[in-house]
Amino acid sequence: MKEKVFTAESLVTALKSASSGYSKIYVPAKTGDYYQFEIFSDETAPAFNHSNTKLSPKGLIYPQSMRMFSFRIDSNDPDSNILKEIPREYPPIAVVGIRPCDAEAFLLVKKNFDNPEYKDPWWVSAYESATFVGLACNEPCPTCFCSSVGGSPFSEKGLDAIIVDLGDKFYIKSITEKGETFLSVLGDECFSPKENDAQSIMKLASDALKKCNSEVKVNNLADKKQLDLFYAPFWENQTFACLNCGICTSLCPTCWCFDIQDEIYSNEGERIRNWDSCMFPLFTLHGTGHNPREEKYSRPRQRFMHKLKYYVDKYKNGVQCTGCGRCVRSCPVNIDIRNIACLMNSLS
């Protein structure tokens, strides 16, 4: 384990030094009214005082739209209609300032894209090329509930290193070999931790945990029968206002659904993978015209059942949610996953 301490100014200088070791370094930066992950540069100063980014950083590993294969449609071409994988490289990147809830989300998504039965080569390659440097949450948002779903504001799960804001300085600790490599390229414009820094960090972690005021009960979900929850009487009432806009799935760091489309111009074509959403009517529309989720309420029910029951039963490692609170903050009709979870958990 390596430890270094930087001032705010020297940390920016250190990140410039680290740029030589990574093809790109992503940092949270303010864009308009929101914070987003941007490529670190002289024009993009890191904003480590943000509560969280509007979008999760999942798009850095799992792009919203990705070109998979190319093909030609030409009767005179012997390679016509043959899919050819579009070549891509995965040079090392560093994601600096990722919150613990977002880092842990990659571990949940990993069960879908990287498991004993199936490995998505694009997702795996992108994930393995990344170094995740977390930023502990001193001030969780009122809508955050990571502590109710197995996380914490200072969690180190899924991180290679972690940064703690000590007010007048930033403490950085490596967790994995990737993290040690990251610290080694930060340069020497730093100083060693003081004896009381460890106590300060412990107090900040304890205080942050107390600020997670949202208590969400999920302890009984594994014992519930799927059909009892599926036909629970509260679904229509709780989701009648849903617009099926899909903002919850777009912002969610653990949503992984996608669609595959062929796009053709003249005789050139590409097969593209795009994010999709169970909120959209087309998501389950059959070629016959039948839609098993024709009613509007059945779509948010699918989202909540997937995250809070189907995932629980399949993987047996908790819910498919890290409590980041993005869907709670951004839902235009105030549908709250915390309320739904409590209703599901207490169903008799």
Protein backbone atom coordinates (compact mmCIF):
# COMPACT_ATOMS: atom_id res chain seq x y z
CA MET A 1 0.00 0.00 0.00
CA LYS A 2 1.26 3.46 -0.94
CA GLU A 3 0.09 6.72 0.57
CA LYS A 4 0.58 10.29 -0.59
CA VAL A 5 -0.82 13.65 0.43
CA PHE A 6 -1.29 16.60 -1.94
CA THR A 7 -2.53 20.13 -1.76
CA ALA A 8 -5.29 21.01 -4.23
CA GLU A 9 -2.75 22.74 -6.48
CA SER A 10 -0.13 20.02 -6.30
CA LEU A 11 -2.73 17.34 -7.06
CA VAL A 12 -3.54 19.05 -10.36
CA THR A 13 0.18 19.18 -11.14
CA ALA A 14 0.49 15.51 -10.21
CA LEU A 15 -2.34 14.56 -12.56
CA LYS A 16 -0.52 16.34 -15.36
CA SER A 17 2.53 14.21 -14.57
CA ALA A 18 0.39 11.08 -14.58
CA SER A 19 -0.92 11.85 -18.05
CA SER A 20 2.19 10.31 -19.55
CA GLY A 21 1.23 6.92 -18.11
CA TYR A 22 -2.34 6.84 -19.44
CA SER A 23 -3.93 7.44 -22.80
CA LYS A 24 -6.66 9.46 -21.05
CA ILE A 25 -7.40 10.58 -17.52
CA TYR A 26 -11.04 11.32 -16.77
CA VAL A 27 -12.03 13.67 -13.96
CA PRO A 28 -15.33 15.16 -12.78
CA ALA A 29 -15.75 18.66 -14.21
CA LYS A 30 -18.57 21.17 -14.14
CA THR A 31 -20.43 21.48 -17.43
CA GLY A 32 -23.22 24.03 -17.24
CA ASP A 33 -25.33 23.21 -14.21
CA TYR A 34 -24.04 19.65 -13.89
CA TYR A 35 -20.89 17.67 -13.27
CA GLN A 36 -19.70 15.17 -15.84
CA PHE A 37 -16.59 13.09 -16.38
CA GLU A 38 -14.36 14.85 -18.89
CA ILE A 39 -10.88 14.21 -20.23
CA PHE A 40 -8.38 15.96 -17.98
CA SER A 41 -6.53 18.79 -19.71
CA ASP A 42 -5.39 22.35 -19.13
CA GLU A 43 -8.90 23.46 -20.05
CA THR A 44 -10.66 20.91 -17.83
CA ALA A 45 -9.91 21.39 -14.17
CA PRO A 46 -10.99 18.57 -11.86
CA ALA A 47 -13.87 19.45 -9.53
CA PHE A 48 -13.46 17.25 -6.49
CA ASN A 49 -16.10 19.18 -4.55
CA HIS A 50 -19.01 17.72 -6.51
CA SER A 51 -21.72 15.61 -4.88
CA ASN A 52 -21.91 13.29 -7.89
CA THR A 53 -21.93 13.48 -11.67
CA LYS A 54 -25.22 13.71 -13.54
CA LEU A 55 -24.40 10.61 -15.57
CA SER A 56 -22.57 7.70 -14.05
CA PRO A 57 -19.16 6.86 -15.54
CA LYS A 58 -20.47 3.53 -16.90
CA GLY A 59 -20.36 5.05 -20.39
CA LEU A 60 -16.55 5.18 -20.21
CA ILE A 61 -16.52 1.37 -20.20
CA TYR A 62 -19.84 0.59 -21.85
CA PRO A 63 -20.51 3.33 -24.46
CA GLN A 64 -24.03 4.48 -25.24
CA SER A 65 -23.42 3.51 -28.86
CA MET A 66 -20.68 1.21 -30.09
CA ARG A 67 -19.82 0.06 -33.62
CA MET A 68 -19.35 -3.70 -33.46
CA PHE A 69 -19.09 -5.02 -37.01
CA SER A 70 -18.98 -3.74 -40.57
CA PHE A 71 -20.29 -5.45 -43.71
CA ARG A 72 -21.00 -4.89 -47.38
CA ILE A 73 -24.05 -5.72 -49.46
CA ASP A 74 -22.71 -6.26 -52.98
CA SER A 75 -23.45 -9.30 -55.15
CA ASN A 76 -20.10 -8.82 -56.92
CA ASP A 77 -18.11 -8.86 -53.67
CA PRO A 78 -17.12 -12.34 -52.38
CA ASP A 79 -17.12 -10.91 -48.84
CA SER A 80 -20.67 -9.60 -49.19
CA ASN A 81 -22.84 -10.06 -46.07
CA ILE A 82 -19.88 -11.19 -43.97
CA LEU A 83 -19.57 -9.44 -40.62
CA LYS A 84 -16.09 -8.12 -39.87
CA GLU A 85 -15.27 -6.97 -36.37
CA ILE A 86 -14.32 -3.31 -36.22
CA PRO A 87 -10.83 -3.18 -34.69
CA ARG A 88 -10.33 -1.19 -31.53
CA GLU A 89 -7.59 -0.69 -28.98
CA TYR A 90 -7.81 -0.51 -25.21
CA PRO A 91 -4.92 1.61 -23.95
CA PRO A 92 -4.82 2.24 -20.19
CA ILE A 93 -7.10 4.96 -18.82
CA ALA A 94 -7.59 6.35 -15.32
CA VAL A 95 -10.95 7.44 -13.92
CA VAL A 96 -10.12 9.81 -11.08
CA GLY A 97 -12.80 11.02 -8.69
CA ILE A 98 -15.31 8.22 -9.17
CA ARG A 99 -17.63 7.86 -6.19
CA PRO A 100 -17.66 4.52 -4.30
CA CYS A 101 -21.26 3.78 -5.36
CA ASP A 102 -20.28 4.03 -9.04
CA ALA A 103 -17.18 1.90 -8.61
CA GLU A 104 -19.19 -0.81 -6.88
CA ALA A 105 -21.76 -0.63 -9.67
CA PHE A 106 -19.16 -1.99 -12.10
CA LEU A 107 -18.85 -5.07 -9.89
CA LEU A 108 -22.59 -5.69 -10.21
CA VAL A 109 -22.57 -5.12 -13.96
CA LYS A 110 -19.55 -7.41 -14.24
CA LYS A 111 -21.76 -10.38 -13.37
CA ASN A 112 -23.64 -9.80 -16.62
CA PHE A 113 -20.69 -9.11 -18.95
CA ASP A 114 -17.96 -11.24 -17.38
CA ASN A 115 -19.03 -14.56 -15.88
CA PRO A 116 -18.12 -18.27 -16.24
CA GLU A 117 -20.73 -18.76 -18.98
CA TYR A 118 -20.17 -15.65 -21.06
CA LYS A 119 -17.59 -12.91 -21.46
CA ASP A 120 -18.26 -9.81 -23.49
CA PRO A 121 -14.80 -9.11 -24.97
CA TRP A 122 -15.43 -5.38 -25.45
CA TRP A 123 -16.69 -4.75 -21.92
CA VAL A 124 -14.01 -6.94 -20.32
CA SER A 125 -11.17 -5.33 -22.29
CA ALA A 126 -12.37 -1.81 -21.49
CA TYR A 127 -12.88 -2.58 -17.81
CA GLU A 128 -9.51 -4.27 -17.39
CA SER A 129 -7.72 -1.36 -19.06
CA ALA A 130 -9.15 1.13 -16.55
CA THR A 131 -7.76 2.25 -13.20
CA PHE A 132 -10.46 3.52 -10.84
CA VAL A 133 -9.38 6.14 -8.32
CA GLY A 134 -12.26 6.82 -5.97
CA LEU A 135 -13.27 9.96 -4.14
CA ALA A 136 -14.75 9.27 -0.72
CA CYS A 137 -18.07 10.98 0.04
CA ASN A 138 -17.73 13.40 2.94
CA GLU A 139 -21.21 14.82 2.26
CA PRO A 140 -23.66 12.25 0.86
CA CYS A 141 -26.73 13.62 -0.92
CA PRO A 142 -30.08 13.40 0.91
CA THR A 143 -31.21 10.93 -1.77
CA CYS A 144 -28.19 8.62 -1.33
CA PHE A 145 -28.79 5.27 0.37
CA CYS A 146 -25.61 3.29 -0.28
CA SER A 147 -25.43 2.17 3.35
CA SER A 148 -28.79 0.38 2.96
CA VAL A 149 -27.60 -1.77 0.05
CA GLY A 150 -24.20 -2.94 1.27
CA GLY A 151 -22.06 0.10 0.53
CA SER A 152 -20.75 3.10 2.37
CA PRO A 153 -19.51 6.62 1.53
CA PHE A 154 -15.91 5.49 2.08
CA SER A 155 -16.23 2.01 0.53
CA GLU A 156 -13.18 0.68 -1.33
CA LYS A 157 -15.03 -2.01 -3.32
CA GLY A 158 -14.07 -1.95 -6.99
CA LEU A 159 -11.45 0.76 -6.47
CA ASP A 160 -7.73 0.69 -7.21
CA ALA A 161 -7.03 3.76 -5.07
CA ILE A 162 -9.07 6.20 -3.03
CA ILE A 163 -8.85 9.95 -2.43
CA VAL A 164 -10.06 11.54 0.80
CA ASP A 165 -10.65 15.29 1.00
CA LEU A 166 -9.20 16.40 4.32
CA GLY A 167 -10.19 20.02 3.80
CA ASP A 168 -6.81 21.63 3.25
CA LYS A 169 -5.27 18.63 1.48
CA PHE A 170 -6.05 15.40 -0.36
CA TYR A 171 -4.95 12.01 0.98
CA ILE A 172 -4.54 9.22 -1.59
CA LYS A 173 -4.08 5.54 -0.76
CA SER A 174 -3.49 2.66 -3.17
CA ILE A 175 -5.63 -0.46 -2.83
CA THR A 176 -4.47 -2.67 -5.71
CA GLU A 177 -1.38 -2.98 -7.88
CA LYS A 178 -3.06 -0.73 -10.44
CA GLY A 179 -3.48 1.82 -7.68
CA GLU A 180 0.19 1.59 -6.73
CA THR A 181 1.13 2.18 -10.35
CA PHE A 182 -1.12 5.24 -10.42
CA LEU A 183 0.45 6.70 -7.30
CA SER A 184 3.93 6.03 -8.64
CA VAL A 185 3.34 8.25 -11.70
CA LEU A 186 1.89 11.16 -9.72
CA GLY A 187 5.32 12.65 -9.18
CA ASP A 188 7.06 13.76 -6.01
CA GLU A 189 5.36 17.08 -5.36
CA CYS A 190 3.66 15.65 -2.28
CA PHE A 191 4.29 14.91 1.37
CA SER A 192 3.77 11.97 3.69
CA PRO A 193 0.63 11.53 5.82
CA LYS A 194 0.73 12.88 9.37
CA GLU A 195 0.00 10.74 12.40
CA ASN A 196 -3.40 12.32 12.96
CA ASP A 197 -4.53 11.92 9.33
CA ALA A 198 -5.72 8.36 9.97
CA GLN A 199 -7.90 9.57 12.84
CA SER A 200 -9.29 12.39 10.70
CA ILE A 201 -10.20 9.92 7.96
CA MET A 202 -11.92 7.58 10.42
CA LYS A 203 -13.98 10.45 11.79
CA LEU A 204 -14.93 11.68 8.32
CA ALA A 205 -16.02 8.15 7.38
CA SER A 206 -18.08 7.79 10.54
CA ASP A 207 -19.72 11.20 10.11
CA ALA A 208 -20.49 10.52 6.44
CA LEU A 209 -22.19 7.24 7.31
CA LYS A 210 -24.40 9.04 9.82
CA LYS A 211 -25.44 11.50 7.10
CA CYS A 212 -26.94 8.67 5.02
CA ASN A 213 -30.43 9.39 6.34
CA SER A 214 -32.36 7.24 3.86
CA GLU A 215 -32.94 3.81 5.38
CA VAL A 216 -34.15 1.34 2.78
CA LYS A 217 -35.19 -2.14 3.88
CA VAL A 218 -34.18 -4.94 1.49
CA ASN A 219 -33.53 -7.72 3.99
CA ASN A 220 -36.68 -9.73 3.19
CA LEU A 221 -36.57 -9.58 -0.62
CA ALA A 222 -34.79 -12.91 -1.07
CA ASP A 223 -37.52 -14.70 0.90
CA LYS A 224 -40.40 -13.30 -1.14
CA LYS A 225 -41.98 -15.34 -3.94
CA GLN A 226 -41.53 -13.78 -7.36
CA LEU A 227 -45.17 -14.15 -8.36
CA ASP A 228 -46.37 -12.62 -5.08
CA LEU A 229 -44.30 -9.53 -5.82
CA PHE A 230 -45.19 -9.55 -9.52
CA TYR A 231 -48.92 -9.48 -8.77
CA ALA A 232 -48.63 -7.20 -5.74
CA PRO A 233 -51.55 -4.75 -5.47
CA PHE A 234 -49.44 -1.60 -5.28
CA TRP A 235 -47.89 -1.50 -8.76
CA GLU A 236 -50.52 0.49 -10.64
CA ASN A 237 -50.90 3.01 -7.86
CA GLN A 238 -47.16 3.53 -7.37
CA THR A 239 -46.27 3.77 -11.07
CA PHE A 240 -49.36 5.33 -12.69
CA ALA A 241 -47.54 8.66 -13.19
CA CYS A 242 -44.55 7.08 -14.99
CA LEU A 243 -43.90 8.68 -18.38
CA ASN A 244 -41.74 5.79 -19.60
CA CYS A 245 -39.12 8.44 -20.43
CA GLY A 246 -36.23 6.14 -19.50
CA ILE A 247 -34.21 8.75 -17.63
CA CYS A 248 -33.87 6.38 -14.66
CA THR A 249 -32.24 3.67 -16.77
CA SER A 250 -29.98 6.12 -18.61
CA LEU A 251 -28.64 7.55 -15.36
CA CYS A 252 -28.46 4.26 -13.47
CA PRO A 253 -24.91 2.89 -13.12
CA THR A 254 -26.18 -0.71 -12.93
CA CYS A 255 -28.55 -0.77 -15.94
CA TRP A 256 -27.01 -2.80 -18.75
CA CYS A 257 -29.74 -3.49 -21.34
CA PHE A 258 -28.88 -2.91 -24.98
CA ASP A 259 -30.28 -3.29 -28.48
CA ILE A 260 -28.39 -4.24 -31.65
CA GLN A 261 -29.21 -2.50 -34.93
CA ASP A 262 -27.91 -2.65 -38.48
CA GLU A 263 -27.45 0.70 -40.18
CA ILE A 264 -26.87 0.73 -43.94
CA TYR A 265 -25.97 3.46 -46.38
CA SER A 266 -25.73 2.46 -50.03
CA ASN A 267 -23.93 -0.90 -49.90
CA GLU A 268 -21.99 -0.24 -46.68
CA GLY A 269 -23.36 -1.29 -43.32
CA GLU A 270 -22.48 -1.44 -39.64
CA ARG A 271 -23.89 -3.41 -36.74
CA ILE A 272 -24.17 -1.13 -33.71
CA ARG A 273 -24.91 -1.79 -30.05
CA ASN A 274 -26.95 0.91 -28.31
CA TRP A 275 -28.19 1.32 -24.77
CA ASP A 276 -31.83 0.35 -24.46
CA SER A 277 -34.40 0.65 -21.69
CA CYS A 278 -37.15 -1.54 -20.26
CA MET A 279 -39.11 1.71 -19.91
CA PHE A 280 -39.67 1.91 -23.69
CA PRO A 281 -42.72 0.25 -25.32
CA LEU A 282 -40.53 -1.06 -28.17
CA PHE A 283 -38.26 -2.90 -25.74
CA THR A 284 -40.51 -5.99 -25.63
CA LEU A 285 -42.52 -5.52 -28.83
CA HIS A 286 -42.68 -8.82 -30.72
CA GLY A 287 -42.54 -9.14 -34.49
CA THR A 288 -46.17 -10.30 -34.39
CA GLY A 289 -47.21 -6.98 -32.87
CA HIS A 290 -47.84 -8.54 -29.45
CA ASN A 291 -46.29 -6.74 -26.49
CA PRO A 292 -46.18 -8.64 -23.17
CA ARG A 293 -45.68 -5.31 -21.38
CA GLU A 294 -48.36 -3.36 -23.16
CA GLU A 295 -49.64 -1.61 -20.01
CA LYS A 296 -47.57 1.38 -18.97
CA TYR A 297 -47.24 0.30 -15.33
CA SER A 298 -45.75 -3.06 -16.34
CA ARG A 299 -42.54 -1.37 -17.53
CA PRO A 300 -41.47 0.29 -14.27
CA ARG A 301 -42.59 -2.90 -12.53
CA GLN A 302 -40.08 -4.79 -14.68
CA ARG A 303 -37.31 -2.37 -13.72
CA PHE A 304 -37.95 -2.71 -10.01
CA MET A 305 -38.51 -6.46 -10.16
CA HIS A 306 -35.24 -6.91 -12.04
CA LYS A 307 -33.18 -4.82 -9.63
CA LEU A 308 -34.85 -5.87 -6.40
CA LYS A 309 -35.95 -9.46 -7.02
CA TYR A 310 -34.76 -11.20 -10.21
CA TYR A 311 -31.14 -10.14 -9.64
CA VAL A 312 -31.42 -11.07 -5.96
CA ASP A 313 -32.63 -14.57 -6.79
CA LYS A 314 -30.13 -15.20 -9.59
CA TYR A 315 -26.90 -13.90 -8.10
CA LYS A 316 -27.64 -14.07 -4.36
CA ASN A 317 -25.37 -11.14 -3.52
CA GLY A 318 -27.87 -8.40 -2.70
CA VAL A 319 -29.85 -6.03 -4.90
CA GLN A 320 -28.84 -4.61 -8.27
CA CYS A 321 -28.55 -1.10 -6.88
CA THR A 322 -25.76 0.81 -5.18
CA GLY A 323 -27.90 3.58 -3.75
CA CYS A 324 -26.48 6.47 -5.78
CA GLY A 325 -29.91 8.17 -5.80
CA ARG A 326 -29.71 9.46 -9.39
CA CYS A 327 -33.09 8.03 -10.38
CA VAL A 328 -34.67 9.54 -7.26
CA ARG A 329 -33.27 13.01 -7.99
CA SER A 330 -34.08 13.05 -11.70
CA CYS A 331 -37.43 11.28 -12.08
CA PRO A 332 -39.80 13.96 -13.47
CA VAL A 333 -42.80 12.43 -11.64
CA ASN A 334 -41.05 11.59 -8.35
CA ILE A 335 -41.21 7.80 -8.49
CA ASP A 336 -38.86 6.71 -5.71
CA ILE A 337 -37.05 3.35 -5.73
CA ARG A 338 -36.69 3.64 -1.94
CA ASN A 339 -40.46 3.58 -1.48
CA ILE A 340 -40.86 0.70 -3.93
CA ALA A 341 -38.16 -1.33 -2.18
CA CYS A 342 -39.84 -0.87 1.19
CA LEU A 343 -43.22 -1.89 -0.23
CA MET A 344 -41.72 -5.01 -1.82
CA ASN A 345 -39.76 -5.85 1.31
CA SER A 346 -42.79 -5.57 3.61
CA LEU A 347 -45.33 -7.37 1.37
CA SER A 348 -47.14 -9.99 3.39
